[in-house]
Full PDB file with SEQRES, HELIX, SHEET, SSBOND, CRYST1, ORIGX, SCALE, CONECT and MASTER records, all heavy atoms in Angstrom:
SEQRES   1 A   39  THR VAL GLN SER ARG SER ALA GLU PHE ASP TYR TRP LEU          
SEQRES   2 A   39  THR GLN THR LEU THR ALA SER VAL ASN THR ALA GLU ALA          
SEQRES   3 A   39  LYS THR ALA LEU THR HIS TRP GLN ALA ALA PRO GLU ALA          
HELIX    1 AA1 VAL A    2  THR A   18  1                                  17    
HELIX    2 AA2 THR A   23  THR A   31  1                                   9    
HELIX    3 AA3 TRP A   33  ALA A   35  5                                   3    
CRYST1    1.000    1.000    1.000  90.00  90.00  90.00 P 1           1          
ORIGX1      1.000000  0.000000  0.000000        0.00000                         
ORIGX2      0.000000  1.000000  0.000000        0.00000                         
ORIGX3      0.000000  0.000000  1.000000        0.00000                         
SCALE1      1.000000  0.000000  0.000000        0.00000                         
SCALE2      0.000000  1.000000  0.000000        0.00000                         
SCALE3      0.000000  0.000000  1.000000        0.00000                         
ATOM      1  N   THR A   1      74.707  -5.694  43.520  1.00  0.00           N  
ATOM      2  CA  THR A   1      73.910  -4.535  43.985  1.00  0.00           C  
ATOM      3  C   THR A   1      72.416  -4.674  43.681  1.00  0.00           C  
ATOM      4  O   THR A   1      71.667  -3.857  44.111  1.00  0.00           O  
ATOM      5  CB  THR A   1      74.384  -3.176  43.401  1.00  0.00           C  
ATOM      6  OG1 THR A   1      74.136  -3.163  41.965  1.00  0.00           O  
ATOM      7  CG2 THR A   1      75.890  -3.042  43.623  1.00  0.00           C  
ATOM      8  N   VAL A   2      72.046  -5.686  42.898  1.00  0.00           N  
ATOM      9  CA  VAL A   2      70.668  -5.776  42.427  1.00  0.00           C  
ATOM     10  C   VAL A   2      69.736  -5.835  43.584  1.00  0.00           C  
ATOM     11  O   VAL A   2      68.659  -5.134  43.599  1.00  0.00           O  
ATOM     12  CB  VAL A   2      70.509  -7.066  41.529  1.00  0.00           C  
ATOM     13  CG1 VAL A   2      69.017  -7.372  41.377  1.00  0.00           C  
ATOM     14  CG2 VAL A   2      71.098  -6.800  40.170  1.00  0.00           C  
ATOM     15  N   GLN A   3      69.995  -6.672  44.549  1.00  0.00           N  
ATOM     16  CA  GLN A   3      69.032  -6.840  45.679  1.00  0.00           C  
ATOM     17  C   GLN A   3      68.903  -5.506  46.477  1.00  0.00           C  
ATOM     18  O   GLN A   3      67.764  -5.135  46.807  1.00  0.00           O  
ATOM     19  CB  GLN A   3      69.432  -7.970  46.593  1.00  0.00           C  
ATOM     20  CG  GLN A   3      68.337  -8.251  47.625  1.00  0.00           C  
ATOM     21  CD  GLN A   3      68.566  -9.545  48.390  1.00  0.00           C  
ATOM     22  OE1 GLN A   3      68.523  -9.575  49.636  1.00  0.00           O  
ATOM     23  NE2 GLN A   3      68.880 -10.609  47.708  1.00  0.00           N  
ATOM     24  N   SER A   4      69.925  -4.830  46.707  1.00  0.00           N  
ATOM     25  CA  SER A   4      69.847  -3.599  47.496  1.00  0.00           C  
ATOM     26  C   SER A   4      69.159  -2.512  46.694  1.00  0.00           C  
ATOM     27  O   SER A   4      68.406  -1.664  47.271  1.00  0.00           O  
ATOM     28  CB  SER A   4      71.260  -3.088  47.947  1.00  0.00           C  
ATOM     29  OG  SER A   4      72.070  -2.877  46.804  1.00  0.00           O  
ATOM     30  N   ARG A   5      69.374  -2.505  45.385  1.00  0.00           N  
ATOM     31  CA  ARG A   5      68.689  -1.494  44.552  1.00  0.00           C  
ATOM     32  C   ARG A   5      67.145  -1.767  44.504  1.00  0.00           C  
ATOM     33  O   ARG A   5      66.404  -0.849  44.521  1.00  0.00           O  
ATOM     34  CB  ARG A   5      69.324  -1.446  43.138  1.00  0.00           C  
ATOM     35  CG  ARG A   5      70.747  -0.950  43.146  1.00  0.00           C  
ATOM     36  CD  ARG A   5      71.296  -0.952  41.744  1.00  0.00           C  
ATOM     37  NE  ARG A   5      70.706   0.124  40.913  1.00  0.00           N  
ATOM     38  CZ  ARG A   5      71.054   0.204  39.597  1.00  0.00           C  
ATOM     39  NH1 ARG A   5      71.828  -0.613  39.011  1.00  0.00           N  
ATOM     40  NH2 ARG A   5      70.520   1.255  38.981  1.00  0.00           N  
ATOM     41  N   SER A   6      66.831  -3.038  44.395  1.00  0.00           N  
ATOM     42  CA  SER A   6      65.398  -3.357  44.382  1.00  0.00           C  
ATOM     43  C   SER A   6      64.796  -3.069  45.718  1.00  0.00           C  
ATOM     44  O   SER A   6      63.589  -2.674  45.848  1.00  0.00           O  
ATOM     45  CB  SER A   6      65.213  -4.892  44.052  1.00  0.00           C  
ATOM     46  OG  SER A   6      65.581  -5.700  45.062  1.00  0.00           O  
ATOM     47  N   ALA A   7      65.551  -3.245  46.800  1.00  0.00           N  
ATOM     48  CA  ALA A   7      65.039  -2.915  48.127  1.00  0.00           C  
ATOM     49  C   ALA A   7      64.777  -1.411  48.288  1.00  0.00           C  
ATOM     50  O   ALA A   7      63.825  -1.051  49.072  1.00  0.00           O  
ATOM     51  CB  ALA A   7      66.084  -3.327  49.167  1.00  0.00           C  
ATOM     52  N   GLU A   8      65.501  -0.560  47.657  1.00  0.00           N  
ATOM     53  CA  GLU A   8      65.258   0.858  47.729  1.00  0.00           C  
ATOM     54  C   GLU A   8      63.896   1.195  47.175  1.00  0.00           C  
ATOM     55  O   GLU A   8      63.082   1.943  47.784  1.00  0.00           O  
ATOM     56  CB  GLU A   8      66.325   1.685  47.053  1.00  0.00           C  
ATOM     57  CG  GLU A   8      67.695   1.738  47.793  1.00  0.00           C  
ATOM     58  CD  GLU A   8      68.572   2.775  47.217  1.00  0.00           C  
ATOM     59  OE1 GLU A   8      68.187   3.909  47.045  1.00  0.00           O  
ATOM     60  OE2 GLU A   8      69.748   2.377  46.883  1.00  0.00           O  
ATOM     61  N   PHE A   9      63.552   0.708  45.984  1.00  0.00           N  
ATOM     62  CA  PHE A   9      62.222   0.937  45.410  1.00  0.00           C  
ATOM     63  C   PHE A   9      61.139   0.282  46.251  1.00  0.00           C  
ATOM     64  O   PHE A   9      60.081   0.890  46.451  1.00  0.00           O  
ATOM     65  CB  PHE A   9      62.187   0.494  43.970  1.00  0.00           C  
ATOM     66  CG  PHE A   9      60.904   0.794  43.305  1.00  0.00           C  
ATOM     67  CD1 PHE A   9      60.654   2.050  42.873  1.00  0.00           C  
ATOM     68  CD2 PHE A   9      59.912  -0.163  43.076  1.00  0.00           C  
ATOM     69  CE1 PHE A   9      59.442   2.447  42.192  1.00  0.00           C  
ATOM     70  CE2 PHE A   9      58.764   0.141  42.484  1.00  0.00           C  
ATOM     71  CZ  PHE A   9      58.456   1.412  42.026  1.00  0.00           C  
ATOM     72  N   ASP A  10      61.410  -0.915  46.702  1.00  0.00           N  
ATOM     73  CA  ASP A  10      60.379  -1.644  47.502  1.00  0.00           C  
ATOM     74  C   ASP A  10      60.034  -0.816  48.737  1.00  0.00           C  
ATOM     75  O   ASP A  10      58.887  -0.752  49.135  1.00  0.00           O  
ATOM     76  CB  ASP A  10      60.952  -2.996  47.816  1.00  0.00           C  
ATOM     77  CG  ASP A  10      59.886  -3.857  48.528  1.00  0.00           C  
ATOM     78  OD1 ASP A  10      59.103  -4.482  47.800  1.00  0.00           O  
ATOM     79  OD2 ASP A  10      59.845  -3.927  49.804  1.00  0.00           O  
ATOM     80  N   TYR A  11      61.098  -0.285  49.368  1.00  0.00           N  
ATOM     81  CA  TYR A  11      60.833   0.520  50.628  1.00  0.00           C  
ATOM     82  C   TYR A  11      59.989   1.725  50.275  1.00  0.00           C  
ATOM     83  O   TYR A  11      59.019   2.045  50.970  1.00  0.00           O  
ATOM     84  CB  TYR A  11      62.193   0.921  51.218  1.00  0.00           C  
ATOM     85  CG  TYR A  11      62.026   1.829  52.482  1.00  0.00           C  
ATOM     86  CD1 TYR A  11      61.684   1.259  53.719  1.00  0.00           C  
ATOM     87  CD2 TYR A  11      62.116   3.184  52.348  1.00  0.00           C  
ATOM     88  CE1 TYR A  11      61.542   2.106  54.786  1.00  0.00           C  
ATOM     89  CE2 TYR A  11      61.957   4.012  53.502  1.00  0.00           C  
ATOM     90  CZ  TYR A  11      61.674   3.444  54.700  1.00  0.00           C  
ATOM     91  OH  TYR A  11      61.495   4.289  55.818  1.00  0.00           O  
ATOM     92  N   TRP A  12      60.336   2.441  49.197  1.00  0.00           N  
ATOM     93  CA  TRP A  12      59.536   3.598  48.778  1.00  0.00           C  
ATOM     94  C   TRP A  12      58.122   3.244  48.476  1.00  0.00           C  
ATOM     95  O   TRP A  12      57.193   3.962  48.927  1.00  0.00           O  
ATOM     96  CB  TRP A  12      60.188   4.264  47.551  1.00  0.00           C  
ATOM     97  CG  TRP A  12      59.357   5.366  46.974  1.00  0.00           C  
ATOM     98  CD1 TRP A  12      59.417   6.706  47.401  1.00  0.00           C  
ATOM     99  CD2 TRP A  12      58.306   5.307  45.989  1.00  0.00           C  
ATOM    100  NE1 TRP A  12      58.409   7.425  46.681  1.00  0.00           N  
ATOM    101  CE2 TRP A  12      57.734   6.541  45.852  1.00  0.00           C  
ATOM    102  CE3 TRP A  12      57.824   4.208  45.296  1.00  0.00           C  
ATOM    103  CZ2 TRP A  12      56.705   6.778  44.907  1.00  0.00           C  
ATOM    104  CZ3 TRP A  12      56.816   4.453  44.309  1.00  0.00           C  
ATOM    105  CH2 TRP A  12      56.256   5.774  44.213  1.00  0.00           C  
ATOM    106  N   LEU A  13      57.948   2.173  47.775  1.00  0.00           N  
ATOM    107  CA  LEU A  13      56.535   1.787  47.353  1.00  0.00           C  
ATOM    108  C   LEU A  13      55.759   1.450  48.607  1.00  0.00           C  
ATOM    109  O   LEU A  13      54.607   1.869  48.754  1.00  0.00           O  
ATOM    110  CB  LEU A  13      56.657   0.580  46.417  1.00  0.00           C  
ATOM    111  CG  LEU A  13      55.328   0.124  45.782  1.00  0.00           C  
ATOM    112  CD1 LEU A  13      54.702   1.254  44.954  1.00  0.00           C  
ATOM    113  CD2 LEU A  13      55.581  -1.126  44.937  1.00  0.00           C  
ATOM    114  N   THR A  14      56.353   0.680  49.513  1.00  0.00           N  
ATOM    115  CA  THR A  14      55.639   0.259  50.745  1.00  0.00           C  
ATOM    116  C   THR A  14      55.283   1.485  51.569  1.00  0.00           C  
ATOM    117  O   THR A  14      54.193   1.532  52.119  1.00  0.00           O  
ATOM    118  CB  THR A  14      56.405  -0.789  51.471  1.00  0.00           C  
ATOM    119  OG1 THR A  14      56.595  -1.948  50.634  1.00  0.00           O  
ATOM    120  CG2 THR A  14      55.752  -1.216  52.728  1.00  0.00           C  
ATOM    121  N   GLN A  15      56.268   2.387  51.772  1.00  0.00           N  
ATOM    122  CA  GLN A  15      55.991   3.531  52.556  1.00  0.00           C  
ATOM    123  C   GLN A  15      54.851   4.357  51.947  1.00  0.00           C  
ATOM    124  O   GLN A  15      53.973   4.885  52.649  1.00  0.00           O  
ATOM    125  CB  GLN A  15      57.274   4.400  52.748  1.00  0.00           C  
ATOM    126  CG  GLN A  15      58.293   3.813  53.624  1.00  0.00           C  
ATOM    127  CD  GLN A  15      57.758   3.662  55.052  1.00  0.00           C  
ATOM    128  OE1 GLN A  15      57.545   2.527  55.558  1.00  0.00           O  
ATOM    129  NE2 GLN A  15      57.604   4.770  55.734  1.00  0.00           N  
ATOM    130  N   THR A  16      54.877   4.553  50.638  1.00  0.00           N  
ATOM    131  CA  THR A  16      53.863   5.314  49.940  1.00  0.00           C  
ATOM    132  C   THR A  16      52.497   4.699  50.130  1.00  0.00           C  
ATOM    133  O   THR A  16      51.546   5.452  50.349  1.00  0.00           O  
ATOM    134  CB  THR A  16      54.169   5.382  48.426  1.00  0.00           C  
ATOM    135  OG1 THR A  16      55.456   6.073  48.278  1.00  0.00           O  
ATOM    136  CG2 THR A  16      53.119   6.131  47.654  1.00  0.00           C  
ATOM    137  N   LEU A  17      52.367   3.412  50.078  1.00  0.00           N  
ATOM    138  CA  LEU A  17      51.101   2.763  50.205  1.00  0.00           C  
ATOM    139  C   LEU A  17      50.609   2.559  51.634  1.00  0.00           C  
ATOM    140  O   LEU A  17      49.405   2.512  51.855  1.00  0.00           O  
ATOM    141  CB  LEU A  17      51.150   1.439  49.484  1.00  0.00           C  
ATOM    142  CG  LEU A  17      51.406   1.440  47.959  1.00  0.00           C  
ATOM    143  CD1 LEU A  17      51.607   0.003  47.467  1.00  0.00           C  
ATOM    144  CD2 LEU A  17      50.277   2.165  47.209  1.00  0.00           C  
ATOM    145  N   THR A  18      51.525   2.409  52.552  1.00  0.00           N  
ATOM    146  CA  THR A  18      51.097   1.948  53.918  1.00  0.00           C  
ATOM    147  C   THR A  18      51.323   3.011  55.027  1.00  0.00           C  
ATOM    148  O   THR A  18      50.680   2.809  56.069  1.00  0.00           O  
ATOM    149  CB  THR A  18      51.893   0.652  54.294  1.00  0.00           C  
ATOM    150  OG1 THR A  18      53.262   0.980  54.504  1.00  0.00           O  
ATOM    151  CG2 THR A  18      51.785  -0.443  53.257  1.00  0.00           C  
ATOM    152  N   ALA A  19      52.147   3.981  54.745  1.00  0.00           N  
ATOM    153  CA  ALA A  19      52.439   4.908  55.853  1.00  0.00           C  
ATOM    154  C   ALA A  19      51.248   5.908  55.996  1.00  0.00           C  
ATOM    155  O   ALA A  19      50.355   5.970  55.196  1.00  0.00           O  
ATOM    156  CB  ALA A  19      53.711   5.703  55.546  1.00  0.00           C  
ATOM    157  N   SER A  20      51.256   6.538  57.163  1.00  0.00           N  
ATOM    158  CA  SER A  20      50.108   7.452  57.422  1.00  0.00           C  
ATOM    159  C   SER A  20      50.217   8.775  56.736  1.00  0.00           C  
ATOM    160  O   SER A  20      50.341   9.832  57.367  1.00  0.00           O  
ATOM    161  CB  SER A  20      50.098   7.659  58.985  1.00  0.00           C  
ATOM    162  OG  SER A  20      49.832   6.429  59.654  1.00  0.00           O  
ATOM    163  N   VAL A  21      50.160   8.717  55.425  1.00  0.00           N  
ATOM    164  CA  VAL A  21      50.063   9.935  54.612  1.00  0.00           C  
ATOM    165  C   VAL A  21      48.668  10.011  54.088  1.00  0.00           C  
ATOM    166  O   VAL A  21      47.969   8.996  53.991  1.00  0.00           O  
ATOM    167  CB  VAL A  21      51.116   9.895  53.458  1.00  0.00           C  
ATOM    168  CG1 VAL A  21      52.504   9.925  54.031  1.00  0.00           C  
ATOM    169  CG2 VAL A  21      50.865   8.701  52.561  1.00  0.00           C  
ATOM    170  N   ASN A  22      48.264  11.235  53.730  1.00  0.00           N  
ATOM    171  CA  ASN A  22      46.852  11.292  53.212  1.00  0.00           C  
ATOM    172  C   ASN A  22      46.808  10.835  51.821  1.00  0.00           C  
ATOM    173  O   ASN A  22      47.851  10.655  51.080  1.00  0.00           O  
ATOM    174  CB  ASN A  22      46.317  12.688  53.389  1.00  0.00           C  
ATOM    175  CG  ASN A  22      47.044  13.727  52.545  1.00  0.00           C  
ATOM    176  OD1 ASN A  22      47.356  13.483  51.419  1.00  0.00           O  
ATOM    177  ND2 ASN A  22      47.296  14.907  53.188  1.00  0.00           N  
ATOM    178  N   THR A  23      45.605  10.579  51.350  1.00  0.00           N  
ATOM    179  CA  THR A  23      45.389   9.933  50.035  1.00  0.00           C  
ATOM    180  C   THR A  23      45.943  10.855  48.953  1.00  0.00           C  
ATOM    181  O   THR A  23      46.569  10.347  48.012  1.00  0.00           O  
ATOM    182  CB  THR A  23      43.853   9.715  49.794  1.00  0.00           C  
ATOM    183  OG1 THR A  23      43.400   8.805  50.822  1.00  0.00           O  
ATOM    184  CG2 THR A  23      43.609   9.184  48.416  1.00  0.00           C  
ATOM    185  N   ALA A  24      45.744  12.112  49.046  1.00  0.00           N  
ATOM    186  CA  ALA A  24      46.264  13.054  48.026  1.00  0.00           C  
ATOM    187  C   ALA A  24      47.778  12.922  47.884  1.00  0.00           C  
ATOM    188  O   ALA A  24      48.334  12.946  46.721  1.00  0.00           O  
ATOM    189  CB  ALA A  24      45.880  14.522  48.345  1.00  0.00           C  
ATOM    190  N   GLU A  25      48.519  12.811  48.950  1.00  0.00           N  
ATOM    191  CA  GLU A  25      49.952  12.692  48.919  1.00  0.00           C  
ATOM    192  C   GLU A  25      50.341  11.406  48.262  1.00  0.00           C  
ATOM    193  O   GLU A  25      51.322  11.333  47.465  1.00  0.00           O  
ATOM    194  CB  GLU A  25      50.546  12.844  50.328  1.00  0.00           C  
ATOM    195  CG  GLU A  25      50.517  14.274  50.939  1.00  0.00           C  
ATOM    196  CD  GLU A  25      51.002  14.303  52.333  1.00  0.00           C  
ATOM    197  OE1 GLU A  25      51.296  13.171  52.904  1.00  0.00           O  
ATOM    198  OE2 GLU A  25      51.076  15.397  52.873  1.00  0.00           O  
ATOM    199  N   ALA A  26      49.697  10.344  48.703  1.00  0.00           N  
ATOM    200  CA  ALA A  26      49.993   9.016  48.068  1.00  0.00           C  
ATOM    201  C   ALA A  26      49.715   9.017  46.619  1.00  0.00           C  
ATOM    202  O   ALA A  26      50.455   8.454  45.763  1.00  0.00           O  
ATOM    203  CB  ALA A  26      49.227   7.937  48.798  1.00  0.00           C  
ATOM    204  N   LYS A  27      48.591   9.637  46.203  1.00  0.00           N  
ATOM    205  CA  LYS A  27      48.208   9.637  44.774  1.00  0.00           C  
ATOM    206  C   LYS A  27      49.287  10.446  43.943  1.00  0.00           C  
ATOM    207  O   LYS A  27      49.669  10.037  42.910  1.00  0.00           O  
ATOM    208  CB  LYS A  27      46.835  10.284  44.565  1.00  0.00           C  
ATOM    209  CG  LYS A  27      46.362  10.235  43.193  1.00  0.00           C  
ATOM    210  CD  LYS A  27      45.018  10.911  42.965  1.00  0.00           C  
ATOM    211  CE  LYS A  27      43.861  10.238  43.703  1.00  0.00           C  
ATOM    212  NZ  LYS A  27      42.588  10.824  43.278  1.00  0.00           N  
ATOM    213  N   THR A  28      49.725  11.555  44.487  1.00  0.00           N  
ATOM    214  CA  THR A  28      50.737  12.336  43.834  1.00  0.00           C  
ATOM    215  C   THR A  28      52.031  11.592  43.667  1.00  0.00           C  
ATOM    216  O   THR A  28      52.683  11.492  42.641  1.00  0.00           O  
ATOM    217  CB  THR A  28      51.012  13.630  44.639  1.00  0.00           C  
ATOM    218  OG1 THR A  28      49.843  14.439  44.667  1.00  0.00           O  
ATOM    219  CG2 THR A  28      52.111  14.402  44.000  1.00  0.00           C  
ATOM    220  N   ALA A  29      52.405  10.854  44.776  1.00  0.00           N  
ATOM    221  CA  ALA A  29      53.684  10.041  44.735  1.00  0.00           C  
ATOM    222  C   ALA A  29      53.577   8.938  43.724  1.00  0.00           C  
ATOM    223  O   ALA A  29      54.538   8.744  42.933  1.00  0.00           O  
ATOM    224  CB  ALA A  29      53.940   9.489  46.130  1.00  0.00           C  
ATOM    225  N   LEU A  30      52.444   8.284  43.624  1.00  0.00           N  
ATOM    226  CA  LEU A  30      52.270   7.198  42.666  1.00  0.00           C  
ATOM    227  C   LEU A  30      52.170   7.711  41.225  1.00  0.00           C  
ATOM    228  O   LEU A  30      52.675   7.118  40.296  1.00  0.00           O  
ATOM    229  CB  LEU A  30      51.018   6.392  42.997  1.00  0.00           C  
ATOM    230  CG  LEU A  30      51.153   5.452  44.216  1.00  0.00           C  
ATOM    231  CD1 LEU A  30      49.776   4.875  44.502  1.00  0.00           C  
ATOM    232  CD2 LEU A  30      52.172   4.352  44.031  1.00  0.00           C  
ATOM    233  N   THR A  31      51.581   8.894  41.102  1.00  0.00           N  
ATOM    234  CA  THR A  31      51.528   9.558  39.769  1.00  0.00           C  
ATOM    235  C   THR A  31      52.891   9.822  39.229  1.00  0.00           C  
ATOM    236  O   THR A  31      53.174   9.711  38.017  1.00  0.00           O  
ATOM    237  CB  THR A  31      50.631  10.792  39.790  1.00  0.00           C  
ATOM    238  OG1 THR A  31      49.325  10.436  40.160  1.00  0.00           O  
ATOM    239  CG2 THR A  31      50.632  11.466  38.472  1.00  0.00           C  
ATOM    240  N   HIS A  32      53.768  10.228  40.110  1.00  0.00           N  
ATOM    241  CA  HIS A  32      55.145  10.572  39.751  1.00  0.00           C  
ATOM    242  C   HIS A  32      56.107   9.489  40.274  1.00  0.00           C  
ATOM    243  O   HIS A  32      57.230   9.832  40.721  1.00  0.00           O  
ATOM    244  CB  HIS A  32      55.493  11.968  40.421  1.00  0.00           C  
ATOM    245  CG  HIS A  32      54.565  13.028  39.852  1.00  0.00           C  
ATOM    246  ND1 HIS A  32      54.660  13.564  38.600  1.00  0.00           N  
ATOM    247  CD2 HIS A  32      53.552  13.671  40.517  1.00  0.00           C  
ATOM    248  CE1 HIS A  32      53.685  14.549  38.500  1.00  0.00           C  
ATOM    249  NE2 HIS A  32      53.004  14.557  39.595  1.00  0.00           N  
ATOM    250  N   TRP A  33      55.728   8.237  40.140  1.00  0.00           N  
ATOM    251  CA  TRP A  33      56.536   7.178  40.630  1.00  0.00           C  
ATOM    252  C   TRP A  33      57.930   7.104  40.020  1.00  0.00           C  
ATOM    253  O   TRP A  33      58.866   6.562  40.682  1.00  0.00           O  
ATOM    254  CB  TRP A  33      55.811   5.846  40.375  1.00  0.00           C  
ATOM    255  CG  TRP A  33      55.798   5.408  38.892  1.00  0.00           C  
ATOM    256  CD1 TRP A  33      54.878   5.816  37.951  1.00  0.00           C  
ATOM    257  CD2 TRP A  33      56.785   4.720  38.230  1.00  0.00           C  
ATOM    258  NE1 TRP A  33      55.220   5.374  36.703  1.00  0.00           N  
ATOM    259  CE2 TRP A  33      56.414   4.626  36.859  1.00  0.00           C  
ATOM    260  CE3 TRP A  33      57.973   4.061  38.659  1.00  0.00           C  
ATOM    261  CZ2 TRP A  33      57.184   3.936  35.909  1.00  0.00           C  
ATOM    262  CZ3 TRP A  33      58.711   3.359  37.669  1.00  0.00           C  
ATOM    263  CH2 TRP A  33      58.281   3.323  36.314  1.00  0.00           C  
ATOM    264  N   GLN A  34      58.085   7.680  38.855  1.00  0.00           N  
ATOM    265  CA  GLN A  34      59.405   7.655  38.202  1.00  0.00           C  
ATOM    266  C   GLN A  34      60.462   8.377  38.943  1.00  0.00           C  
ATOM    267  O   GLN A  34      61.686   8.180  38.744  1.00  0.00           O  
ATOM    268  CB  GLN A  34      59.376   8.160  36.806  1.00  0.00           C  
ATOM    269  CG  GLN A  34      58.533   7.325  35.856  1.00  0.00           C  
ATOM    270  CD  GLN A  34      58.453   7.832  34.438  1.00  0.00           C  
ATOM    271  OE1 GLN A  34      59.505   8.038  33.823  1.00  0.00           O  
ATOM    272  NE2 GLN A  34      57.220   8.046  33.925  1.00  0.00           N  
ATOM    273  N   ALA A  35      59.993   9.300  39.854  1.00  0.00           N  
ATOM    274  CA  ALA A  35      60.955  10.024  40.722  1.00  0.00           C  
ATOM    275  C   ALA A  35      61.452   9.281  41.917  1.00  0.00           C  
ATOM    276  O   ALA A  35      62.293   9.715  42.687  1.00  0.00           O  
ATOM    277  CB  ALA A  35      60.335  11.358  41.168  1.00  0.00           C  
ATOM    278  N   ALA A  36      60.890   8.067  42.130  1.00  0.00           N  
ATOM    279  CA  ALA A  36      61.261   7.278  43.295  1.00  0.00           C  
ATOM    280  C   ALA A  36      62.667   6.689  43.111  1.00  0.00           C  
ATOM    281  O   ALA A  36      63.181   6.543  42.074  1.00  0.00           O  
ATOM    282  CB  ALA A  36      60.247   6.143  43.467  1.00  0.00           C  
ATOM    283  N   PRO A  37      63.269   6.390  44.309  1.00  0.00           N  
ATOM    284  CA  PRO A  37      64.622   5.748  44.210  1.00  0.00           C  
ATOM    285  C   PRO A  37      64.596   4.496  43.331  1.00  0.00           C  
ATOM    286  O   PRO A  37      63.745   3.614  43.561  1.00  0.00           O  
ATOM    287  CB  PRO A  37      64.943   5.454  45.716  1.00  0.00           C  
ATOM    288  CG  PRO A  37      64.109   6.375  46.470  1.00  0.00           C  
ATOM    289  CD  PRO A  37      62.799   6.583  45.673  1.00  0.00           C  
ATOM    290  N   GLU A  38      65.532   4.394  42.441  1.00  0.00           N  
ATOM    291  CA  GLU A  38      65.668   3.158  41.590  1.00  0.00           C  
ATOM    292  C   GLU A  38      64.372   2.804  40.799  1.00  0.00           C  
ATOM    293  O   GLU A  38      64.205   1.621  40.503  1.00  0.00           O  
ATOM    294  CB  GLU A  38      66.149   2.020  42.437  1.00  0.00           C  
ATOM    295  CG  GLU A  38      67.481   2.195  43.197  1.00  0.00           C  
ATOM    296  CD  GLU A  38      68.693   2.333  42.179  1.00  0.00           C  
ATOM    297  OE1 GLU A  38      68.478   2.152  41.017  1.00  0.00           O  
ATOM    298  OE2 GLU A  38      69.764   2.635  42.772  1.00  0.00           O  
ATOM    299  N   ALA A  39      63.660   3.812  40.481  1.00  0.00           N  
ATOM    300  CA  ALA A  39      62.350   3.555  39.768  1.00  0.00           C  
ATOM    301  C   ALA A  39      62.571   2.936  38.487  1.00  0.00           C  
ATOM    302  O   ALA A  39      61.951   1.890  38.156  1.00  0.00           O  
ATOM    303  CB  ALA A  39      61.596   4.888  39.687  1.00  0.00           C  
TER     304      ALA A  39                                                      
MASTER        0    0    0    3    0    0    0    6  303    1    0    3          
END                                                                             
């Protein structure tokens, strides 16, 4: 399950950094990164 679990966090991180969300939302998400899937 290691690869699939790492993929969950990778997807969250990439969406947070690259998706069309505003800077404040991305900053909040990164500040609270421990709440991300498989963080």
